Amino acid sequence: MATLKVTQIGNSLGVILPKELLARLKIDKGDALYITETPMGVALTPYDPSFEQQLELGREFMREYRDTFRALAK
């Protein structure tokens, strides 16, 4: 676990992420990060949470119509 300090960056406040964390998240300068609220606090991720939700809806749709997709695949 790392502790980050809030620092002045221009007219804003921000935190500097350690290189190790950037490498683990596979993010680089200019990449987007998403912040979501969780029961434990907040989560910082490079993955768009709305995309994950759409993906899960697609999976549910595919499960529901599994037989139809099998028939179309023939």
PDB file of N, CA and C in Angstrom:
ATOM      1  N   MET A   1       0.848  -1.172   0.000  1.00  0.00           N
ATOM      2  CA  MET A   1       0.000   0.000   0.000  1.00  0.00           C
ATOM      3  C   MET A   1       0.894   1.236   0.000  1.00  0.00           C
ATOM      4  N   ALA A   2       0.513   2.217  -0.801  1.00  0.00           N
ATOM      5  CA  ALA A   2       1.276   3.454  -0.887  1.00  0.00           C
ATOM      6  C   ALA A   2       0.440   4.613  -0.369  1.00  0.00           C
ATOM      7  N   THR A   3       1.095   5.583   0.190  1.00  0.00           N
ATOM      8  CA  THR A   3       0.432   6.802   0.633  1.00  0.00           C
ATOM      9  C   THR A   3       0.787   7.894  -0.359  1.00  0.00           C
ATOM     10  N   LEU A   4      -0.217   8.598  -0.850  1.00  0.00           N
ATOM     11  CA  LEU A   4       0.000   9.684  -1.800  1.00  0.00           C
ATOM     12  C   LEU A   4      -0.297  11.005  -1.116  1.00  0.00           C
ATOM     13  N   LYS A   5       0.510  12.009  -1.412  1.00  0.00           N
ATOM     14  CA  LYS A   5       0.289  13.348  -0.871  1.00  0.00           C
ATOM     15  C   LYS A   5      -0.404  14.201  -1.920  1.00  0.00           C
ATOM     16  N   VAL A   6      -1.339  15.019  -1.454  1.00  0.00           N
ATOM     17  CA  VAL A   6      -1.991  15.984  -2.332  1.00  0.00           C
ATOM     18  C   VAL A   6      -1.044  17.169  -2.467  1.00  0.00           C
ATOM     19  N   THR A   7      -0.796  17.575  -3.698  1.00  0.00           N
ATOM     20  CA  THR A   7       0.163  18.647  -3.960  1.00  0.00           C
ATOM     21  C   THR A   7      -0.429  19.667  -4.932  1.00  0.00           C
ATOM     22  N   GLN A   8       0.122  20.856  -4.937  1.00  0.00           N
ATOM     23  CA  GLN A   8      -0.306  21.915  -5.855  1.00  0.00           C
ATOM     24  C   GLN A   8       0.259  21.625  -7.238  1.00  0.00           C
ATOM     25  N   ILE A   9      -0.624  21.600  -8.242  1.00  0.00           N
ATOM     26  CA  ILE A   9      -0.208  21.430  -9.637  1.00  0.00           C
ATOM     27  C   ILE A   9      -0.867  22.571 -10.409  1.00  0.00           C
ATOM     28  N   GLY A  10      -0.112  23.615 -10.677  1.00  0.00           N
ATOM     29  CA  GLY A  10      -0.685  24.806 -11.301  1.00  0.00           C
ATOM     30  C   GLY A  10      -1.689  25.443 -10.356  1.00  0.00           C
ATOM     31  N   ASN A  11      -2.908  25.670 -10.846  1.00  0.00           N
ATOM     32  CA  ASN A  11      -3.967  26.230 -10.010  1.00  0.00           C
ATOM     33  C   ASN A  11      -4.839  25.140  -9.381  1.00  0.00           C
ATOM     34  N   SER A  12      -4.447  23.894  -9.571  1.00  0.00           N
ATOM     35  CA  SER A  12      -5.240  22.770  -9.078  1.00  0.00           C
ATOM     36  C   SER A  12      -4.474  21.989  -8.029  1.00  0.00           C
ATOM     37  N   LEU A  13      -5.153  21.012  -7.454  1.00  0.00           N
ATOM     38  CA  LEU A  13      -4.517  20.073  -6.544  1.00  0.00           C
ATOM     39  C   LEU A  13      -4.501  18.711  -7.222  1.00  0.00           C
ATOM     40  N   GLY A  14      -3.493  17.912  -6.933  1.00  0.00           N
ATOM     41  CA  GLY A  14      -3.407  16.597  -7.546  1.00  0.00           C
ATOM     42  C   GLY A  14      -2.484  15.688  -6.769  1.00  0.00           C
ATOM     43  N   VAL A  15      -2.378  14.479  -7.237  1.00  0.00           N
ATOM     44  CA  VAL A  15      -1.458  13.503  -6.656  1.00  0.00           C
ATOM     45  C   VAL A  15      -0.561  12.980  -7.766  1.00  0.00           C
ATOM     46  N   ILE A  16       0.634  12.593  -7.398  1.00  0.00           N
ATOM     47  CA  ILE A  16       1.584  12.003  -8.328  1.00  0.00           C
ATOM     48  C   ILE A  16       1.535  10.489  -8.102  1.00  0.00           C
ATOM     49  N   LEU A  17       1.265   9.736  -9.168  1.00  0.00           N
ATOM     50  CA  LEU A  17       1.204   8.284  -9.053  1.00  0.00           C
ATOM     51  C   LEU A  17       2.596   7.694  -9.247  1.00  0.00           C
ATOM     52  N   PRO A  18       2.994   6.759  -8.404  1.00  0.00           N
ATOM     53  CA  PRO A  18       4.321   6.139  -8.539  1.00  0.00           C
ATOM     54  C   PRO A  18       4.445   5.342  -9.840  1.00  0.00           C
ATOM     55  N   LYS A  19       5.665   5.254 -10.360  1.00  0.00           N
ATOM     56  CA  LYS A  19       5.929   4.524 -11.602  1.00  0.00           C
ATOM     57  C   LYS A  19       5.431   3.091 -11.540  1.00  0.00           C
ATOM     58  N   GLU A  20       5.603   2.456 -10.392  1.00  0.00           N
ATOM     59  CA  GLU A  20       5.194   1.061 -10.242  1.00  0.00           C
ATOM     60  C   GLU A  20       3.684   0.906 -10.438  1.00  0.00           C
ATOM     61  N   LEU A  21       2.915   1.854  -9.902  1.00  0.00           N
ATOM     62  CA  LEU A  21       1.464   1.809 -10.048  1.00  0.00           C
ATOM     63  C   LEU A  21       1.069   2.064 -11.500  1.00  0.00           C
ATOM     64  N   LEU A  22       1.716   3.020 -12.136  1.00  0.00           N
ATOM     65  CA  LEU A  22       1.445   3.305 -13.548  1.00  0.00           C
ATOM     66  C   LEU A  22       1.721   2.077 -14.399  1.00  0.00           C
ATOM     67  N   ALA A  23       2.810   1.373 -14.112  1.00  0.00           N
ATOM     68  CA  ALA A  23       3.147   0.167 -14.866  1.00  0.00           C
ATOM     69  C   ALA A  23       2.117  -0.928 -14.622  1.00  0.00           C
ATOM     70  N   ARG A  24       1.705  -1.095 -13.379  1.00  0.00           N
ATOM     71  CA  ARG A  24       0.728  -2.134 -13.040  1.00  0.00           C
ATOM     72  C   ARG A  24      -0.620  -1.863 -13.708  1.00  0.00           C
ATOM     73  N   LEU A  25      -1.015  -0.587 -13.775  1.00  0.00           N
ATOM     74  CA  LEU A  25      -2.276  -0.213 -14.418  1.00  0.00           C
ATOM     75  C   LEU A  25      -2.144  -0.116 -15.937  1.00  0.00           C
ATOM     76  N   LYS A  26      -0.901  -0.199 -16.435  1.00  0.00           N
ATOM     77  CA  LYS A  26      -0.607  -0.081 -17.872  1.00  0.00           C
ATOM     78  C   LYS A  26      -1.139   1.244 -18.435  1.00  0.00           C
ATOM     79  N   ILE A  27      -0.839   2.318 -17.715  1.00  0.00           N
ATOM     80  CA  ILE A  27      -1.253   3.641 -18.174  1.00  0.00           C
ATOM     81  C   ILE A  27      -0.029   4.514 -18.427  1.00  0.00           C
ATOM     82  N   ASP A  28      -0.213   5.483 -19.304  1.00  0.00           N
ATOM     83  CA  ASP A  28       0.872   6.377 -19.683  1.00  0.00           C
ATOM     84  C   ASP A  28       0.304   7.795 -19.774  1.00  0.00           C
ATOM     85  N   LYS A  29       1.166   8.735 -19.985  1.00  0.00           N
ATOM     86  CA  LYS A  29       0.774  10.138 -20.097  1.00  0.00           C
ATOM     87  C   LYS A  29      -0.329  10.292 -21.143  1.00  0.00           C
ATOM     88  N   GLY A  30      -1.394  10.989 -20.780  1.00  0.00           N
ATOM     89  CA  GLY A  30      -2.495  11.236 -21.700  1.00  0.00           C
ATOM     90  C   GLY A  30      -3.625  10.220 -21.616  1.00  0.00           C
ATOM     91  N   ASP A  31      -3.418   9.090 -20.941  1.00  0.00           N
ATOM     92  CA  ASP A  31      -4.472   8.093 -20.792  1.00  0.00           C
ATOM     93  C   ASP A  31      -5.548   8.604 -19.839  1.00  0.00           C
ATOM     94  N   ALA A  32      -6.761   8.096 -20.012  1.00  0.00           N
ATOM     95  CA  ALA A  32      -7.872   8.464 -19.129  1.00  0.00           C
ATOM     96  C   ALA A  32      -7.940   7.501 -17.957  1.00  0.00           C
ATOM     97  N   LEU A  33      -8.257   8.032 -16.796  1.00  0.00           N
ATOM     98  CA  LEU A  33      -8.511   7.234 -15.609  1.00  0.00           C
ATOM     99  C   LEU A  33      -9.939   7.509 -15.156  1.00  0.00           C
ATOM    100  N   TYR A  34     -10.587   6.498 -14.637  1.00  0.00           N
ATOM    101  CA  TYR A  34     -11.964   6.622 -14.180  1.00  0.00           C
ATOM    102  C   TYR A  34     -12.015   6.423 -12.671  1.00  0.00           C
ATOM    103  N   ILE A  35     -12.781   7.257 -12.010  1.00  0.00           N
ATOM    104  CA  ILE A  35     -12.952   7.157 -10.566  1.00  0.00           C
ATOM    105  C   ILE A  35     -14.399   6.749 -10.315  1.00  0.00           C
ATOM    106  N   THR A  36     -14.570   5.668  -9.566  1.00  0.00           N
ATOM    107  CA  THR A  36     -15.904   5.214  -9.200  1.00  0.00           C
ATOM    108  C   THR A  36     -15.984   5.072  -7.693  1.00  0.00           C
ATOM    109  N   GLU A  37     -17.181   5.319  -7.173  1.00  0.00           N
ATOM    110  CA  GLU A  37     -17.391   5.137  -5.740  1.00  0.00           C
ATOM    111  C   GLU A  37     -17.709   3.679  -5.474  1.00  0.00           C
ATOM    112  N   THR A  38     -17.118   3.149  -4.415  1.00  0.00           N
ATOM    113  CA  THR A  38     -17.350   1.775  -3.999  1.00  0.00           C
ATOM    114  C   THR A  38     -17.747   1.787  -2.520  1.00  0.00           C
ATOM    115  N   PRO A  39     -18.236   0.667  -2.012  1.00  0.00           N
ATOM    116  CA  PRO A  39     -18.546   0.616  -0.585  1.00  0.00           C
ATOM    117  C   PRO A  39     -17.318   0.874   0.293  1.00  0.00           C
ATOM    118  N   MET A  40     -16.129   0.626  -0.243  1.00  0.00           N
ATOM    119  CA  MET A  40     -14.890   0.810   0.517  1.00  0.00           C
ATOM    120  C   MET A  40     -14.274   2.198   0.336  1.00  0.00           C
ATOM    121  N   GLY A  41     -14.856   3.037  -0.533  1.00  0.00           N
ATOM    122  CA  GLY A  41     -14.290   4.359  -0.793  1.00  0.00           C
ATOM    123  C   GLY A  41     -14.385   4.670  -2.275  1.00  0.00           C
ATOM    124  N   VAL A  42     -13.243   4.918  -2.907  1.00  0.00           N
ATOM    125  CA  VAL A  42     -13.212   5.178  -4.345  1.00  0.00           C
ATOM    126  C   VAL A  42     -12.225   4.230  -5.005  1.00  0.00           C
ATOM    127  N   ALA A  43     -12.476   3.950  -6.291  1.00  0.00           N
ATOM    128  CA  ALA A  43     -11.584   3.100  -7.068  1.00  0.00           C
ATOM    129  C   ALA A  43     -11.089   3.900  -8.263  1.00  0.00           C
ATOM    130  N   LEU A  44      -9.827   3.768  -8.577  1.00  0.00           N
ATOM    131  CA  LEU A  44      -9.185   4.432  -9.714  1.00  0.00           C
ATOM    132  C   LEU A  44      -8.822   3.341 -10.713  1.00  0.00           C
ATOM    133  N   THR A  45      -9.336   3.442 -11.942  1.00  0.00           N
ATOM    134  CA  THR A  45      -9.103   2.391 -12.926  1.00  0.00           C
ATOM    135  C   THR A  45      -8.949   2.984 -14.324  1.00  0.00           C
ATOM    136  N   PRO A  46      -8.173   2.328 -15.192  1.00  0.00           N
ATOM    137  CA  PRO A  46      -8.069   2.785 -16.573  1.00  0.00           C
ATOM    138  C   PRO A  46      -9.228   2.275 -17.435  1.00  0.00           C
ATOM    139  N   TYR A  47     -10.097   1.432 -16.871  1.00  0.00           N
ATOM    140  CA  TYR A  47     -11.187   0.826 -17.619  1.00  0.00           C
ATOM    141  C   TYR A  47     -12.486   1.587 -17.398  1.00  0.00           C
ATOM    142  N   ASP A  48     -13.173   1.888 -18.478  1.00  0.00           N
ATOM    143  CA  ASP A  48     -14.427   2.636 -18.430  1.00  0.00           C
ATOM    144  C   ASP A  48     -15.505   1.760 -17.798  1.00  0.00           C
ATOM    145  N   PRO A  49     -16.021   2.140 -16.625  1.00  0.00           N
ATOM    146  CA  PRO A  49     -17.021   1.307 -15.955  1.00  0.00           C
ATOM    147  C   PRO A  49     -18.305   1.150 -16.763  1.00  0.00           C
ATOM    148  N   SER A  50     -18.676   2.137 -17.564  1.00  0.00           N
ATOM    149  CA  SER A  50     -19.893   2.010 -18.372  1.00  0.00           C
ATOM    150  C   SER A  50     -19.705   0.946 -19.451  1.00  0.00           C
ATOM    151  N   PHE A  51     -18.484   0.776 -19.949  1.00  0.00           N
ATOM    152  CA  PHE A  51     -18.206  -0.266 -20.941  1.00  0.00           C
ATOM    153  C   PHE A  51     -18.381  -1.637 -20.307  1.00  0.00           C
ATOM    154  N   GLU A  52     -17.921  -1.805 -19.078  1.00  0.00           N
ATOM    155  CA  GLU A  52     -18.075  -3.079 -18.368  1.00  0.00           C
ATOM    156  C   GLU A  52     -19.552  -3.409 -18.193  1.00  0.00           C
ATOM    157  N   GLN A  53     -20.352  -2.401 -17.882  1.00  0.00           N
ATOM    158  CA  GLN A  53     -21.787  -2.597 -17.715  1.00  0.00           C
ATOM    159  C   GLN A  53     -22.417  -3.036 -19.045  1.00  0.00           C
ATOM    160  N   GLN A  54     -22.010  -2.399 -20.142  1.00  0.00           N
ATOM    161  CA  GLN A  54     -22.529  -2.768 -21.454  1.00  0.00           C
ATOM    162  C   GLN A  54     -22.116  -4.193 -21.818  1.00  0.00           C
ATOM    163  N   LEU A  55     -20.892  -4.557 -21.489  1.00  0.00           N
ATOM    164  CA  LEU A  55     -20.396  -5.896 -21.758  1.00  0.00           C
ATOM    165  C   LEU A  55     -21.214  -6.942 -21.000  1.00  0.00           C
ATOM    166  N   GLU A  56     -21.523  -6.664 -19.753  1.00  0.00           N
ATOM    167  CA  GLU A  56     -22.324  -7.594 -18.954  1.00  0.00           C
ATOM    168  C   GLU A  56     -23.731  -7.728 -19.520  1.00  0.00           C
ATOM    169  N   LEU A  57     -24.328  -6.629 -19.980  1.00  0.00           N
ATOM    170  CA  LEU A  57     -25.645  -6.693 -20.608  1.00  0.00           C
ATOM    171  C   LEU A  57     -25.597  -7.553 -21.868  1.00  0.00           C
ATOM    172  N   GLY A  58     -24.529  -7.423 -22.645  1.00  0.00           N
ATOM    173  CA  GLY A  58     -24.349  -8.252 -23.837  1.00  0.00           C
ATOM    174  C   GLY A  58     -24.230  -9.722 -23.480  1.00  0.00           C
ATOM    175  N   ARG A  59     -23.487 -10.033 -22.418  1.00  0.00           N
ATOM    176  CA  ARG A  59     -23.347 -11.424 -21.982  1.00  0.00           C
ATOM    177  C   ARG A  59     -24.691 -12.006 -21.568  1.00  0.00           C
ATOM    178  N   GLU A  60     -25.486 -11.227 -20.834  1.00  0.00           N
ATOM    179  CA  GLU A  60     -26.812 -11.681 -20.420  1.00  0.00           C
ATOM    180  C   GLU A  60     -27.692 -11.953 -21.635  1.00  0.00           C
ATOM    181  N   PHE A  61     -27.634 -11.058 -22.621  1.00  0.00           N
ATOM    182  CA  PHE A  61     -28.409 -11.219 -23.853  1.00  0.00           C
ATOM    183  C   PHE A  61     -28.007 -12.504 -24.571  1.00  0.00           C
ATOM    184  N   MET A  62     -26.692 -12.738 -24.655  1.00  0.00           N
ATOM    185  CA  MET A  62     -26.196 -13.933 -25.342  1.00  0.00           C
ATOM    186  C   MET A  62     -26.610 -15.209 -24.602  1.00  0.00           C
ATOM    187  N   ARG A  63     -26.619 -15.180 -23.267  1.00  0.00           N
ATOM    188  CA  ARG A  63     -27.067 -16.348 -22.500  1.00  0.00           C
ATOM    189  C   ARG A  63     -28.549 -16.616 -22.748  1.00  0.00           C
ATOM    190  N   GLU A  64     -29.321 -15.546 -22.773  1.00  0.00           N
ATOM    191  CA  GLU A  64     -30.769 -15.679 -22.949  1.00  0.00           C
ATOM    192  C   GLU A  64     -31.118 -16.254 -24.320  1.00  0.00           C
ATOM    193  N   TYR A  65     -30.360 -15.854 -25.341  1.00  0.00           N
ATOM    194  CA  TYR A  65     -30.653 -16.285 -26.709  1.00  0.00           C
ATOM    195  C   TYR A  65     -29.599 -17.263 -27.237  1.00  0.00           C
ATOM    196  N   ARG A  66     -29.036 -18.064 -26.355  1.00  0.00           N
ATOM    197  CA  ARG A  66     -27.980 -19.016 -26.707  1.00  0.00           C
ATOM    198  C   ARG A  66     -28.417 -19.937 -27.846  1.00  0.00           C
ATOM    199  N   ASP A  67     -29.624 -20.507 -27.758  1.00  0.00           N
ATOM    200  CA  ASP A  67     -30.086 -21.433 -28.779  1.00  0.00           C
ATOM    201  C   ASP A  67     -30.222 -20.742 -30.136  1.00  0.00           C
ATOM    202  N   THR A  68     -30.701 -19.515 -30.138  1.00  0.00           N
ATOM    203  CA  THR A  68     -30.837 -18.769 -31.384  1.00  0.00           C
ATOM    204  C   THR A  68     -29.465 -18.534 -32.017  1.00  0.00           C
ATOM    205  N   PHE A  69     -28.477 -18.156 -31.221  1.00  0.00           N
ATOM    206  CA  PHE A  69     -27.128 -17.932 -31.753  1.00  0.00           C
ATOM    207  C   PHE A  69     -26.535 -19.225 -32.305  1.00  0.00           C
ATOM    208  N   ARG A  70     -26.799 -20.367 -31.632  1.00  0.00           N
ATOM    209  CA  ARG A  70     -26.308 -21.662 -32.133  1.00  0.00           C
ATOM    210  C   ARG A  70     -26.917 -21.983 -33.492  1.00  0.00           C
ATOM    211  N   ALA A  71     -28.212 -21.736 -33.621  1.00  0.00           N
ATOM    212  CA  ALA A  71     -28.895 -22.014 -34.887  1.00  0.00           C
ATOM    213  C   ALA A  71     -28.360 -21.116 -36.006  1.00  0.00           C
ATOM    214  N   LEU A  72     -28.091 -19.860 -35.682  1.00  0.00           N
ATOM    215  CA  LEU A  72     -27.552 -18.940 -36.692  1.00  0.00           C
ATOM    216  C   LEU A  72     -26.131 -19.300 -37.088  1.00  0.00           C
ATOM    217  N   ALA A  73     -25.396 -19.911 -36.189  1.00  0.00           N
ATOM    218  CA  ALA A  73     -23.989 -20.249 -36.463  1.00  0.00           C
ATOM    219  C   ALA A  73     -23.862 -21.423 -37.432  1.00  0.00           C
ATOM    220  N   LYS A  74     -24.937 -22.197 -37.606  1.00  0.00           N
ATOM    221  CA  LYS A  74     -24.873 -23.387 -38.500  1.00  0.00           C
ATOM    222  C   LYS A  74     -24.859 -23.026 -39.932  1.00  0.00           C
TER     223      LYS A  74
END
